[in-house]
Amino acid sequence: MLDNLADAEKLVSNFHDTPKGNVRLTAPVTYGEEVIMPIVNEFLLAYPEINVRVDLSNQRADLIYEGYDFAIRLGHLADSNLISRKLSSRKLIVCATPEYLALHGTPINLDELSHQNCLVGSADSWRFTHNNKSEQILISGRLRCNSGHSLVKAALKHIGLIQLPDYYVQPYIETGELISVLDTYQMTEEGIWALYPDKHYLPNKIKVLLEFIQQHLKDK
């Protein structure tokens, strides 16, 4: 009963108080740099009494042990005791420059990828949906690099095809510098999630930041 009373008092306090204090979160490196940090910058201007520490890492942190308030995660979530909240979604896009496609042909089915120069990232396969099922296609090419930005730059030099999340390539698709291909095989959109420890309530400072991020992702 005392615990319940303390929780109720904290909830009332959170409701009335101006959001303030420190928030610590972690996010994947590239997504954090490209998407999350610009939103955090806007948040700091809107909430001057909240301090935010962001650790960008592709390593899966132990939120409780390392003292994080929440984590941003992409794609499929592993089973855990953490609470998940969907913030937005992303999709994987296969694309190349018009010049590359004019020289090497535009693939219209997955089998044709074996005849293309596919620029390889950290995995040896690309993911698609085929006959309503997820499918991984082994790919190969003359360049392998674990940096998405570097692969984009190579693709813009007409070197080959890339498959990357939309936030890497969408600006170039909009300008026509890159052309999306194999759209009918595109993977179902993957979730972008916030994960946080199981708690009876979220402090106001965390709640307003999560809502701010979610709203800005929706507006993109």
N, C-alpha and C. Protein backbone atom coordinates (compact mmCIF):
# COMPACT_ATOMS: atom_id res chain seq x y z
N MET A 1 0.82 -1.20 0.00
CA MET A 1 0.00 0.00 0.00
C MET A 1 0.86 1.26 0.00
N LEU A 2 1.95 1.22 0.79
CA LEU A 2 2.84 2.37 0.82
C LEU A 2 3.48 2.61 -0.54
N ASP A 3 3.87 1.50 -1.22
CA ASP A 3 4.45 1.63 -2.56
C ASP A 3 3.44 2.25 -3.52
N ASN A 4 2.19 1.80 -3.45
CA ASN A 4 1.16 2.34 -4.33
C ASN A 4 0.92 3.82 -4.05
N LEU A 5 0.97 4.19 -2.77
CA LEU A 5 0.79 5.59 -2.41
C LEU A 5 1.93 6.44 -2.95
N ALA A 6 3.17 5.92 -2.84
CA ALA A 6 4.33 6.66 -3.36
C ALA A 6 4.23 6.83 -4.87
N ASP A 7 3.80 5.77 -5.57
CA ASP A 7 3.64 5.87 -7.02
C ASP A 7 2.59 6.91 -7.37
N ALA A 8 1.49 6.93 -6.62
CA ALA A 8 0.43 7.90 -6.89
C ALA A 8 0.92 9.33 -6.68
N GLU A 9 1.71 9.53 -5.63
CA GLU A 9 2.25 10.87 -5.37
C GLU A 9 3.18 11.31 -6.49
N LYS A 10 3.99 10.37 -7.01
CA LYS A 10 4.90 10.71 -8.10
C LYS A 10 4.13 11.05 -9.37
N LEU A 11 3.04 10.30 -9.62
CA LEU A 11 2.23 10.59 -10.79
C LEU A 11 1.61 11.98 -10.72
N VAL A 12 1.11 12.33 -9.56
CA VAL A 12 0.52 13.66 -9.38
C VAL A 12 1.58 14.73 -9.57
N SER A 13 2.77 14.48 -9.00
CA SER A 13 3.87 15.44 -9.14
C SER A 13 4.26 15.61 -10.59
N ASN A 14 4.35 14.50 -11.33
CA ASN A 14 4.71 14.56 -12.74
C ASN A 14 3.68 15.34 -13.54
N PHE A 15 2.40 15.20 -13.15
CA PHE A 15 1.33 15.85 -13.90
C PHE A 15 1.42 17.37 -13.78
N HIS A 16 1.79 17.82 -12.59
CA HIS A 16 1.78 19.26 -12.34
C HIS A 16 3.11 19.93 -12.66
N ASP A 17 4.21 19.22 -12.51
CA ASP A 17 5.51 19.86 -12.64
C ASP A 17 5.87 20.10 -14.10
N THR A 18 6.61 21.18 -14.32
CA THR A 18 7.22 21.41 -15.62
C THR A 18 8.28 20.33 -15.85
N PRO A 19 8.30 19.68 -17.03
CA PRO A 19 9.30 18.64 -17.28
C PRO A 19 10.71 19.19 -17.09
N LYS A 20 11.50 18.50 -16.29
CA LYS A 20 12.87 18.93 -16.04
C LYS A 20 13.70 17.74 -15.64
N GLY A 21 15.02 17.90 -15.70
CA GLY A 21 15.91 16.83 -15.28
C GLY A 21 16.75 16.29 -16.42
N ASN A 22 17.34 15.13 -16.20
CA ASN A 22 18.25 14.50 -17.15
C ASN A 22 17.61 13.27 -17.77
N VAL A 23 17.82 13.10 -19.06
CA VAL A 23 17.36 11.91 -19.78
C VAL A 23 18.55 11.33 -20.54
N ARG A 24 18.72 10.02 -20.43
CA ARG A 24 19.81 9.35 -21.13
C ARG A 24 19.24 8.28 -22.05
N LEU A 25 19.65 8.32 -23.30
CA LEU A 25 19.16 7.35 -24.27
C LEU A 25 20.28 6.86 -25.16
N THR A 26 20.05 5.75 -25.82
CA THR A 26 21.01 5.20 -26.78
C THR A 26 20.28 4.90 -28.08
N ALA A 27 21.01 5.02 -29.20
CA ALA A 27 20.42 4.79 -30.53
C ALA A 27 21.52 4.29 -31.46
N PRO A 28 21.15 3.59 -32.54
CA PRO A 28 22.15 3.17 -33.53
C PRO A 28 22.86 4.38 -34.12
N VAL A 29 24.11 4.19 -34.54
CA VAL A 29 24.97 5.31 -34.92
C VAL A 29 24.39 6.13 -36.07
N THR A 30 24.20 5.52 -37.22
CA THR A 30 23.78 6.30 -38.39
C THR A 30 22.38 6.86 -38.22
N TYR A 31 21.46 6.03 -37.77
CA TYR A 31 20.09 6.51 -37.57
C TYR A 31 20.07 7.62 -36.52
N GLY A 32 20.92 7.48 -35.51
CA GLY A 32 21.00 8.52 -34.49
C GLY A 32 21.52 9.83 -35.06
N GLU A 33 22.56 9.74 -35.87
CA GLU A 33 23.15 10.95 -36.47
C GLU A 33 22.18 11.62 -37.44
N GLU A 34 21.55 10.81 -38.30
CA GLU A 34 20.74 11.35 -39.38
C GLU A 34 19.36 11.79 -38.93
N VAL A 35 18.76 11.06 -37.99
CA VAL A 35 17.35 11.26 -37.68
C VAL A 35 17.12 11.73 -36.24
N ILE A 36 17.68 10.99 -35.29
CA ILE A 36 17.35 11.26 -33.88
C ILE A 36 17.97 12.56 -33.39
N MET A 37 19.25 12.80 -33.69
CA MET A 37 19.90 14.00 -33.16
C MET A 37 19.26 15.31 -33.63
N PRO A 38 18.87 15.47 -34.90
CA PRO A 38 18.17 16.70 -35.26
C PRO A 38 16.89 16.91 -34.46
N ILE A 39 16.18 15.82 -34.14
CA ILE A 39 14.96 15.94 -33.34
C ILE A 39 15.31 16.33 -31.90
N VAL A 40 16.37 15.72 -31.35
CA VAL A 40 16.80 16.07 -30.00
C VAL A 40 17.18 17.54 -29.92
N ASN A 41 17.85 18.05 -30.94
CA ASN A 41 18.22 19.47 -30.94
C ASN A 41 16.99 20.37 -30.85
N GLU A 42 15.95 20.03 -31.61
CA GLU A 42 14.71 20.79 -31.53
C GLU A 42 14.05 20.66 -30.17
N PHE A 43 14.15 19.46 -29.59
CA PHE A 43 13.57 19.22 -28.27
C PHE A 43 14.24 20.09 -27.21
N LEU A 44 15.56 20.22 -27.28
CA LEU A 44 16.28 21.03 -26.30
C LEU A 44 15.84 22.49 -26.35
N LEU A 45 15.51 22.96 -27.54
CA LEU A 45 15.02 24.33 -27.66
C LEU A 45 13.63 24.47 -27.07
N ALA A 46 12.82 23.43 -27.21
CA ALA A 46 11.44 23.50 -26.72
C ALA A 46 11.33 23.25 -25.21
N TYR A 47 12.27 22.49 -24.64
CA TYR A 47 12.23 22.14 -23.22
C TYR A 47 13.56 22.50 -22.58
N PRO A 48 13.75 23.76 -22.22
CA PRO A 48 15.06 24.22 -21.73
C PRO A 48 15.46 23.67 -20.37
N GLU A 49 14.54 23.02 -19.65
CA GLU A 49 14.89 22.50 -18.33
C GLU A 49 15.20 21.01 -18.35
N ILE A 50 15.28 20.43 -19.55
CA ILE A 50 15.63 19.01 -19.67
C ILE A 50 16.98 18.90 -20.35
N ASN A 51 17.87 18.11 -19.75
CA ASN A 51 19.18 17.81 -20.32
C ASN A 51 19.14 16.41 -20.92
N VAL A 52 19.71 16.25 -22.10
CA VAL A 52 19.67 14.95 -22.79
C VAL A 52 21.08 14.47 -23.08
N ARG A 53 21.35 13.23 -22.70
CA ARG A 53 22.61 12.57 -23.07
C ARG A 53 22.27 11.46 -24.05
N VAL A 54 22.89 11.51 -25.23
CA VAL A 54 22.66 10.51 -26.27
C VAL A 54 23.95 9.76 -26.53
N ASP A 55 23.91 8.44 -26.39
CA ASP A 55 25.04 7.58 -26.72
C ASP A 55 24.71 6.82 -28.00
N LEU A 56 25.44 7.09 -29.07
CA LEU A 56 25.22 6.42 -30.34
C LEU A 56 26.13 5.20 -30.43
N SER A 57 25.52 4.05 -30.57
CA SER A 57 26.29 2.80 -30.62
C SER A 57 25.45 1.74 -31.30
N ASN A 58 26.12 0.87 -32.06
CA ASN A 58 25.42 -0.26 -32.67
C ASN A 58 25.45 -1.50 -31.78
N GLN A 59 26.03 -1.36 -30.60
CA GLN A 59 26.03 -2.44 -29.62
C GLN A 59 24.75 -2.38 -28.79
N ARG A 60 24.18 -3.52 -28.46
CA ARG A 60 22.96 -3.57 -27.67
C ARG A 60 23.30 -3.36 -26.20
N ALA A 61 22.91 -2.23 -25.68
CA ALA A 61 23.22 -1.89 -24.29
C ALA A 61 22.23 -2.57 -23.34
N ASP A 62 22.70 -2.86 -22.14
CA ASP A 62 21.83 -3.31 -21.05
C ASP A 62 21.27 -2.04 -20.39
N LEU A 63 20.01 -1.74 -20.66
CA LEU A 63 19.45 -0.46 -20.26
C LEU A 63 19.48 -0.26 -18.76
N ILE A 64 19.14 -1.30 -18.03
CA ILE A 64 19.07 -1.17 -16.57
C ILE A 64 20.47 -1.07 -15.98
N TYR A 65 21.35 -1.98 -16.38
CA TYR A 65 22.70 -2.01 -15.83
C TYR A 65 23.47 -0.74 -16.16
N GLU A 66 23.28 -0.23 -17.39
CA GLU A 66 24.04 0.94 -17.83
C GLU A 66 23.33 2.27 -17.58
N GLY A 67 22.13 2.20 -17.03
CA GLY A 67 21.46 3.42 -16.59
C GLY A 67 20.80 4.24 -17.68
N TYR A 68 20.32 3.58 -18.74
CA TYR A 68 19.62 4.31 -19.80
C TYR A 68 18.12 4.41 -19.47
N ASP A 69 17.53 5.52 -19.83
CA ASP A 69 16.09 5.68 -19.68
C ASP A 69 15.34 4.96 -20.79
N PHE A 70 15.88 5.00 -22.01
CA PHE A 70 15.28 4.24 -23.10
C PHE A 70 16.29 4.09 -24.23
N ALA A 71 15.96 3.18 -25.15
CA ALA A 71 16.80 2.93 -26.32
C ALA A 71 15.94 3.01 -27.57
N ILE A 72 16.54 3.48 -28.66
CA ILE A 72 15.90 3.43 -29.97
C ILE A 72 16.42 2.18 -30.68
N ARG A 73 15.50 1.35 -31.17
CA ARG A 73 15.88 0.13 -31.87
C ARG A 73 15.16 0.07 -33.21
N LEU A 74 15.81 -0.59 -34.18
CA LEU A 74 15.28 -0.68 -35.54
C LEU A 74 15.00 -2.13 -35.89
N GLY A 75 13.89 -2.35 -36.61
CA GLY A 75 13.62 -3.67 -37.14
C GLY A 75 13.03 -4.63 -36.12
N HIS A 76 13.34 -5.91 -36.30
CA HIS A 76 12.78 -6.96 -35.45
C HIS A 76 13.35 -6.86 -34.04
N LEU A 77 12.48 -7.01 -33.06
CA LEU A 77 12.90 -6.95 -31.66
C LEU A 77 13.07 -8.34 -31.09
N ALA A 78 14.17 -8.55 -30.40
CA ALA A 78 14.36 -9.81 -29.68
C ALA A 78 13.46 -9.83 -28.45
N ASP A 79 13.10 -11.02 -28.01
CA ASP A 79 12.29 -11.14 -26.80
C ASP A 79 13.05 -10.57 -25.61
N SER A 80 12.35 -9.80 -24.79
CA SER A 80 12.98 -9.25 -23.59
C SER A 80 11.89 -8.84 -22.62
N ASN A 81 12.31 -8.41 -21.45
CA ASN A 81 11.37 -7.93 -20.45
C ASN A 81 11.12 -6.42 -20.57
N LEU A 82 11.67 -5.81 -21.61
CA LEU A 82 11.52 -4.38 -21.79
C LEU A 82 10.17 -4.04 -22.43
N ILE A 83 9.69 -2.85 -22.14
CA ILE A 83 8.47 -2.35 -22.77
C ILE A 83 8.84 -1.74 -24.12
N SER A 84 8.08 -2.07 -25.15
CA SER A 84 8.34 -1.53 -26.50
C SER A 84 7.22 -0.58 -26.90
N ARG A 85 7.61 0.48 -27.57
CA ARG A 85 6.65 1.46 -28.08
C ARG A 85 7.05 1.80 -29.51
N LYS A 86 6.16 1.56 -30.46
CA LYS A 86 6.48 1.83 -31.85
C LYS A 86 6.42 3.33 -32.11
N LEU A 87 7.51 3.86 -32.65
CA LEU A 87 7.60 5.29 -32.94
C LEU A 87 7.32 5.59 -34.40
N SER A 88 7.79 4.72 -35.28
CA SER A 88 7.62 4.94 -36.71
C SER A 88 8.01 3.65 -37.42
N SER A 89 8.32 3.74 -38.69
CA SER A 89 8.75 2.56 -39.46
C SER A 89 9.74 2.98 -40.53
N ARG A 90 10.43 2.00 -41.07
CA ARG A 90 11.38 2.25 -42.16
C ARG A 90 11.22 1.15 -43.20
N LYS A 91 11.76 1.40 -44.40
CA LYS A 91 11.73 0.38 -45.43
C LYS A 91 13.09 0.30 -46.11
N LEU A 92 13.41 -0.88 -46.60
CA LEU A 92 14.65 -1.10 -47.34
C LEU A 92 14.40 -0.87 -48.82
N ILE A 93 15.30 -0.14 -49.47
CA ILE A 93 15.13 0.21 -50.88
C ILE A 93 16.37 -0.23 -51.66
N VAL A 94 16.14 -0.89 -52.79
CA VAL A 94 17.21 -1.22 -53.73
C VAL A 94 17.21 -0.15 -54.82
N CYS A 95 18.37 0.41 -55.07
CA CYS A 95 18.43 1.50 -56.05
C CYS A 95 19.81 1.61 -56.68
N ALA A 96 19.87 2.37 -57.75
CA ALA A 96 21.12 2.65 -58.47
C ALA A 96 20.91 3.91 -59.29
N THR A 97 21.97 4.43 -59.86
CA THR A 97 21.84 5.62 -60.70
C THR A 97 21.25 5.25 -62.06
N PRO A 98 20.60 6.22 -62.72
CA PRO A 98 20.12 5.96 -64.08
C PRO A 98 21.24 5.53 -65.02
N GLU A 99 22.45 6.07 -64.81
CA GLU A 99 23.58 5.72 -65.67
C GLU A 99 23.97 4.25 -65.50
N TYR A 100 24.00 3.78 -64.25
CA TYR A 100 24.32 2.37 -64.02
C TYR A 100 23.27 1.47 -64.67
N LEU A 101 22.00 1.80 -64.46
CA LEU A 101 20.92 0.96 -64.99
C LEU A 101 20.91 0.98 -66.51
N ALA A 102 21.25 2.10 -67.11
CA ALA A 102 21.30 2.16 -68.57
C ALA A 102 22.39 1.26 -69.12
N LEU A 103 23.49 1.14 -68.38
CA LEU A 103 24.63 0.35 -68.85
C LEU A 103 24.46 -1.14 -68.55
N HIS A 104 23.87 -1.46 -67.39
CA HIS A 104 23.82 -2.85 -66.94
C HIS A 104 22.42 -3.44 -66.94
N GLY A 105 21.41 -2.65 -67.23
CA GLY A 105 20.05 -3.14 -67.24
C GLY A 105 19.37 -3.01 -65.89
N THR A 106 18.06 -2.86 -65.92
CA THR A 106 17.28 -2.74 -64.69
C THR A 106 16.74 -4.11 -64.29
N PRO A 107 17.11 -4.64 -63.13
CA PRO A 107 16.60 -5.94 -62.72
C PRO A 107 15.10 -5.88 -62.47
N ILE A 108 14.37 -6.89 -62.97
CA ILE A 108 12.92 -6.93 -62.76
C ILE A 108 12.50 -8.11 -61.88
N ASN A 109 13.43 -9.01 -61.56
CA ASN A 109 13.13 -10.08 -60.61
C ASN A 109 14.39 -10.38 -59.80
N LEU A 110 14.23 -11.14 -58.74
CA LEU A 110 15.33 -11.38 -57.80
C LEU A 110 16.45 -12.21 -58.42
N ASP A 111 16.12 -13.08 -59.37
CA ASP A 111 17.15 -13.91 -60.00
C ASP A 111 18.18 -13.06 -60.74
N GLU A 112 17.76 -11.91 -61.23
CA GLU A 112 18.66 -11.07 -62.01
C GLU A 112 19.71 -10.37 -61.17
N LEU A 113 19.56 -10.41 -59.86
CA LEU A 113 20.58 -9.80 -59.00
C LEU A 113 21.93 -10.49 -59.14
N SER A 114 21.92 -11.77 -59.52
CA SER A 114 23.19 -12.50 -59.67
C SER A 114 24.02 -11.95 -60.83
N HIS A 115 23.40 -11.20 -61.72
CA HIS A 115 24.12 -10.63 -62.86
C HIS A 115 24.45 -9.15 -62.65
N GLN A 116 24.19 -8.64 -61.46
CA GLN A 116 24.43 -7.24 -61.15
C GLN A 116 25.61 -7.09 -60.19
N ASN A 117 26.21 -5.91 -60.19
CA ASN A 117 27.25 -5.59 -59.21
C ASN A 117 26.56 -5.00 -57.99
N CYS A 118 26.32 -5.84 -56.99
CA CYS A 118 25.63 -5.43 -55.77
C CYS A 118 26.67 -4.98 -54.74
N LEU A 119 26.53 -3.79 -54.26
CA LEU A 119 27.48 -3.26 -53.29
C LEU A 119 27.13 -3.80 -51.91
N VAL A 120 28.07 -4.52 -51.32
CA VAL A 120 27.80 -5.34 -50.14
C VAL A 120 28.09 -4.55 -48.87
N GLY A 121 27.14 -4.61 -47.94
CA GLY A 121 27.34 -3.98 -46.63
C GLY A 121 27.86 -4.97 -45.62
N SER A 122 27.28 -4.96 -44.43
CA SER A 122 27.76 -5.84 -43.37
C SER A 122 27.20 -7.25 -43.48
N ALA A 123 26.21 -7.47 -44.36
CA ALA A 123 25.63 -8.80 -44.54
C ALA A 123 25.81 -9.25 -45.99
N ASP A 124 25.85 -10.57 -46.18
CA ASP A 124 26.04 -11.14 -47.51
C ASP A 124 24.73 -11.32 -48.27
N SER A 125 23.62 -10.92 -47.69
CA SER A 125 22.32 -11.12 -48.33
C SER A 125 21.48 -9.86 -48.22
N TRP A 126 20.54 -9.74 -49.16
CA TRP A 126 19.54 -8.68 -49.12
C TRP A 126 18.20 -9.29 -48.80
N ARG A 127 17.33 -8.52 -48.18
CA ARG A 127 16.04 -9.03 -47.71
C ARG A 127 14.90 -8.51 -48.58
N PHE A 128 14.00 -9.43 -48.92
CA PHE A 128 12.86 -9.10 -49.78
C PHE A 128 11.61 -9.84 -49.28
N THR A 129 10.48 -9.48 -49.87
CA THR A 129 9.24 -10.23 -49.71
C THR A 129 8.89 -10.84 -51.06
N HIS A 130 8.72 -12.17 -51.08
CA HIS A 130 8.42 -12.88 -52.32
C HIS A 130 7.33 -13.90 -52.02
N ASN A 131 6.22 -13.85 -52.79
CA ASN A 131 5.08 -14.73 -52.54
C ASN A 131 4.61 -14.64 -51.08
N ASN A 132 4.55 -13.42 -50.59
CA ASN A 132 4.08 -13.13 -49.22
C ASN A 132 4.96 -13.73 -48.14
N LYS A 133 6.18 -14.06 -48.48
CA LYS A 133 7.13 -14.60 -47.50
C LYS A 133 8.42 -13.80 -47.53
N SER A 134 9.06 -13.71 -46.38
CA SER A 134 10.37 -13.06 -46.33
C SER A 134 11.40 -13.96 -46.98
N GLU A 135 12.30 -13.36 -47.75
CA GLU A 135 13.32 -14.13 -48.45
C GLU A 135 14.63 -13.37 -48.42
N GLN A 136 15.72 -14.10 -48.20
CA GLN A 136 17.05 -13.50 -48.23
C GLN A 136 17.78 -14.00 -49.46
N ILE A 137 18.32 -13.06 -50.23
CA ILE A 137 19.02 -13.38 -51.47
C ILE A 137 20.50 -13.09 -51.28
N LEU A 138 21.33 -14.10 -51.51
CA LEU A 138 22.78 -13.88 -51.45
C LEU A 138 23.20 -12.96 -52.59
N ILE A 139 24.01 -11.98 -52.26
CA ILE A 139 24.46 -11.03 -53.28
C ILE A 139 25.99 -10.94 -53.25
N SER A 140 26.54 -10.41 -54.33
CA SER A 140 27.99 -10.23 -54.40
C SER A 140 28.29 -9.05 -55.29
N GLY A 141 29.48 -8.50 -55.12
CA GLY A 141 29.88 -7.36 -55.93
C GLY A 141 31.33 -7.01 -55.69
N ARG A 142 31.79 -5.97 -56.32
CA ARG A 142 33.20 -5.61 -56.29
C ARG A 142 33.58 -4.77 -55.08
N LEU A 143 32.57 -4.32 -54.32
CA LEU A 143 32.85 -3.47 -53.16
C LEU A 143 32.10 -4.00 -51.95
N ARG A 144 32.80 -4.07 -50.83
CA ARG A 144 32.18 -4.40 -49.54
C ARG A 144 32.60 -3.32 -48.55
N CYS A 145 31.62 -2.78 -47.82
CA CYS A 145 31.92 -1.74 -46.84
C CYS A 145 30.80 -1.72 -45.80
N ASN A 146 31.17 -1.56 -44.53
CA ASN A 146 30.15 -1.56 -43.47
C ASN A 146 29.60 -0.16 -43.18
N SER A 147 29.85 0.79 -44.07
CA SER A 147 29.33 2.15 -43.93
C SER A 147 28.27 2.40 -44.98
N GLY A 148 27.04 2.66 -44.54
CA GLY A 148 25.98 2.95 -45.48
C GLY A 148 26.25 4.20 -46.31
N HIS A 149 26.78 5.24 -45.68
CA HIS A 149 27.08 6.47 -46.40
C HIS A 149 28.11 6.23 -47.51
N SER A 150 29.09 5.39 -47.22
CA SER A 150 30.12 5.09 -48.23
C SER A 150 29.52 4.32 -49.40
N LEU A 151 28.58 3.41 -49.10
CA LEU A 151 27.93 2.67 -50.18
C LEU A 151 27.08 3.61 -51.04
N VAL A 152 26.41 4.56 -50.42
CA VAL A 152 25.63 5.54 -51.19
C VAL A 152 26.55 6.31 -52.14
N LYS A 153 27.70 6.75 -51.63
CA LYS A 153 28.63 7.50 -52.47
C LYS A 153 29.13 6.65 -53.63
N ALA A 154 29.36 5.37 -53.38
CA ALA A 154 29.79 4.49 -54.46
C ALA A 154 28.69 4.33 -55.49
N ALA A 155 27.46 4.15 -55.02
CA ALA A 155 26.34 4.02 -55.95
C ALA A 155 26.18 5.28 -56.79
N LEU A 156 26.39 6.45 -56.20
CA LEU A 156 26.27 7.70 -56.94
C LEU A 156 27.36 7.86 -58.00
N LYS A 157 28.42 7.06 -57.86
CA LYS A 157 29.48 7.03 -58.88
C LYS A 157 29.18 5.99 -59.97
N HIS A 158 27.95 5.44 -59.96
CA HIS A 158 27.48 4.49 -60.98
C HIS A 158 28.19 3.14 -60.88
N ILE A 159 28.64 2.78 -59.66
CA ILE A 159 29.41 1.54 -59.52
C ILE A 159 28.51 0.33 -59.37
N GLY A 160 27.33 0.46 -58.74
CA GLY A 160 26.49 -0.71 -58.55
C GLY A 160 25.18 -0.39 -57.86
N LEU A 161 24.46 -1.47 -57.54
CA LEU A 161 23.19 -1.40 -56.82
C LEU A 161 23.45 -1.40 -55.31
N ILE A 162 22.57 -0.76 -54.57
CA ILE A 162 22.63 -0.82 -53.11
C ILE A 162 21.24 -1.15 -52.57
N GLN A 163 21.22 -1.77 -51.40
CA GLN A 163 19.98 -1.91 -50.62
C GLN A 163 20.23 -1.31 -49.25
N LEU A 164 19.52 -0.22 -48.95
CA LEU A 164 19.71 0.48 -47.69
C LEU A 164 18.37 1.01 -47.19
N PRO A 165 18.27 1.33 -45.90
CA PRO A 165 17.06 1.94 -45.37
C PRO A 165 16.76 3.28 -46.06
N ASP A 166 15.50 3.63 -46.07
CA ASP A 166 15.05 4.81 -46.82
C ASP A 166 15.73 6.10 -46.39
N TYR A 167 16.09 6.24 -45.11
CA TYR A 167 16.68 7.50 -44.69
C TYR A 167 18.07 7.74 -45.27
N TYR A 168 18.70 6.71 -45.82
CA TYR A 168 19.96 6.91 -46.54
C TYR A 168 19.74 7.46 -47.96
N VAL A 169 18.74 6.92 -48.63
CA VAL A 169 18.65 7.11 -50.08
C VAL A 169 17.49 7.97 -50.56
N GLN A 170 16.48 8.20 -49.71
CA GLN A 170 15.28 8.91 -50.16
C GLN A 170 15.58 10.29 -50.76
N PRO A 171 16.48 11.09 -50.18
CA PRO A 171 16.77 12.39 -50.79
C PRO A 171 17.28 12.29 -52.23
N TYR A 172 18.08 11.25 -52.50
CA TYR A 172 18.64 11.08 -53.86
C TYR A 172 17.60 10.53 -54.82
N ILE A 173 16.66 9.74 -54.30
CA ILE A 173 15.56 9.26 -55.14
C ILE A 173 14.66 10.43 -55.53
N GLU A 174 14.43 11.34 -54.61
CA GLU A 174 13.57 12.49 -54.90
C GLU A 174 14.18 13.41 -55.96
N THR A 175 15.50 13.48 -56.00
CA THR A 175 16.16 14.32 -57.00
C THR A 175 16.39 13.58 -58.31
N GLY A 176 16.16 12.26 -58.33
CA GLY A 176 16.39 11.49 -59.54
C GLY A 176 17.80 10.98 -59.69
N GLU A 177 18.67 11.27 -58.72
CA GLU A 177 20.05 10.78 -58.81
C GLU A 177 20.12 9.27 -58.62
N LEU A 178 19.17 8.71 -57.86
CA LEU A 178 19.05 7.27 -57.70
C LEU A 178 17.64 6.85 -58.11
N ILE A 179 17.54 5.64 -58.67
CA ILE A 179 16.26 5.10 -59.12
C ILE A 179 15.97 3.83 -58.31
N SER A 180 14.80 3.77 -57.71
CA SER A 180 14.39 2.59 -56.95
C SER A 180 13.99 1.47 -57.91
N VAL A 181 14.44 0.23 -57.63
CA VAL A 181 14.10 -0.92 -58.46
C VAL A 181 13.59 -2.05 -57.57
N LEU A 182 12.99 -3.06 -58.20
CA LEU A 182 12.47 -4.23 -57.50
C LEU A 182 11.47 -3.85 -56.40
N ASP A 183 10.68 -2.81 -56.68
CA ASP A 183 9.74 -2.33 -55.66
C ASP A 183 8.69 -3.38 -55.29
N THR A 184 8.31 -4.24 -56.23
CA THR A 184 7.28 -5.24 -55.92
C THR A 184 7.79 -6.29 -54.94
N TYR A 185 9.12 -6.36 -54.76
CA TYR A 185 9.70 -7.32 -53.81
C TYR A 185 10.13 -6.64 -52.51
N GLN A 186 9.78 -5.39 -52.38
CA GLN A 186 10.24 -4.62 -51.21
C GLN A 186 9.74 -5.24 -49.92
N MET A 187 10.62 -5.28 -48.93
CA MET A 187 10.26 -5.81 -47.62
C MET A 187 9.13 -5.00 -47.00
N THR A 188 8.27 -5.69 -46.24
CA THR A 188 7.29 -4.98 -45.44
C THR A 188 8.02 -4.02 -44.50
N GLU A 189 7.45 -2.87 -44.30
CA GLU A 189 8.11 -1.87 -43.46
C GLU A 189 8.43 -2.42 -42.08
N GLU A 190 9.63 -2.09 -41.59
CA GLU A 190 10.09 -2.53 -40.28
C GLU A 190 9.86 -1.43 -39.24
N GLY A 191 9.62 -1.84 -38.02
CA GLY A 191 9.33 -0.88 -36.97
C GLY A 191 10.57 -0.15 -36.47
N ILE A 192 10.34 1.08 -36.02
CA ILE A 192 11.32 1.85 -35.26
C ILE A 192 10.75 1.99 -33.86
N TRP A 193 11.48 1.53 -32.86
CA TRP A 193 10.92 1.33 -31.53
C TRP A 193 11.69 2.11 -30.46
N ALA A 194 10.96 2.44 -29.41
CA ALA A 194 11.59 2.86 -28.16
C ALA A 194 11.41 1.73 -27.16
N LEU A 195 12.50 1.35 -26.51
CA LEU A 195 12.46 0.32 -25.48
C LEU A 195 12.84 0.94 -24.14
N TYR A 196 12.11 0.58 -23.10
CA TYR A 196 12.44 1.10 -21.77
C TYR A 196 12.06 0.04 -20.73
N PRO A 197 12.70 0.13 -19.55
CA PRO A 197 12.44 -0.87 -18.52
C PRO A 197 10.98 -0.87 -18.08
N ASP A 198 10.54 -2.01 -17.63
CA ASP A 198 9.17 -2.15 -17.14
C ASP A 198 8.98 -1.30 -15.88
N LYS A 199 8.16 -0.25 -16.00
CA LYS A 199 7.90 0.61 -14.85
C LYS A 199 6.40 0.86 -14.74
N HIS A 200 5.96 1.27 -13.56
CA HIS A 200 4.55 1.58 -13.37
C HIS A 200 4.17 2.85 -14.12
N TYR A 201 5.10 3.72 -14.32
CA TYR A 201 4.83 4.98 -15.00
C TYR A 201 6.13 5.48 -15.61
N LEU A 202 6.00 6.40 -16.55
CA LEU A 202 7.17 7.07 -17.12
C LEU A 202 7.26 8.47 -16.54
N PRO A 203 8.43 8.87 -16.05
CA PRO A 203 8.59 10.26 -15.63
C PRO A 203 8.25 11.21 -16.77
N ASN A 204 7.75 12.37 -16.41
CA ASN A 204 7.31 13.34 -17.41
C ASN A 204 8.41 13.69 -18.41
N LYS A 205 9.64 13.82 -17.93
CA LYS A 205 10.75 14.21 -18.81
C LYS A 205 10.96 13.18 -19.91
N ILE A 206 10.76 11.89 -19.60
CA ILE A 206 10.92 10.84 -20.60
C ILE A 206 9.72 10.79 -21.52
N LYS A 207 8.55 10.93 -20.93
CA LYS A 207 7.32 10.87 -21.72
C LYS A 207 7.28 11.97 -22.78
N VAL A 208 7.64 13.19 -22.40
CA VAL A 208 7.55 14.28 -23.37
C VAL A 208 8.59 14.13 -24.48
N LEU A 209 9.76 13.57 -24.15
CA LEU A 209 10.78 13.35 -25.18
C LEU A 209 10.32 12.27 -26.16
N LEU A 210 9.77 11.17 -25.66
CA LEU A 210 9.28 10.11 -26.54
C LEU A 210 8.17 10.63 -27.44
N GLU A 211 7.25 11.40 -26.88
CA GLU A 211 6.16 11.94 -27.69
C GLU A 211 6.67 12.93 -28.73
N PHE A 212 7.69 13.70 -28.35
CA PHE A 212 8.30 14.66 -29.28
C PHE A 212 8.94 13.94 -30.45
N ILE A 213 9.71 12.88 -30.15
CA ILE A 213 10.36 12.09 -31.21
C ILE A 213 9.31 11.45 -32.11
N GLN A 214 8.30 10.85 -31.51
CA GLN A 214 7.26 10.16 -32.28
C GLN A 214 6.54 11.13 -33.22
N GLN A 215 6.21 12.30 -32.73
CA GLN A 215 5.50 13.27 -33.56
C GLN A 215 6.37 13.75 -34.72
N HIS A 216 7.64 14.00 -34.45
CA HIS A 216 8.53 14.47 -35.52
C HIS A 216 8.80 13.38 -36.55
N LEU A 217 8.86 12.12 -36.12
CA LEU A 217 9.03 11.04 -37.07
C LEU A 217 7.78 10.90 -37.94
N LYS A 218 6.61 11.12 -37.37
CA LYS A 218 5.38 11.06 -38.14
C LYS A 218 5.32 12.16 -39.20
N ASP A 219 5.88 13.31 -38.87
CA ASP A 219 5.84 14.46 -39.78
C ASP A 219 6.82 14.34 -40.92
N LYS A 220 7.77 13.40 -40.85
CA LYS A 220 8.78 13.29 -41.89
C LYS A 220 8.20 12.70 -43.18
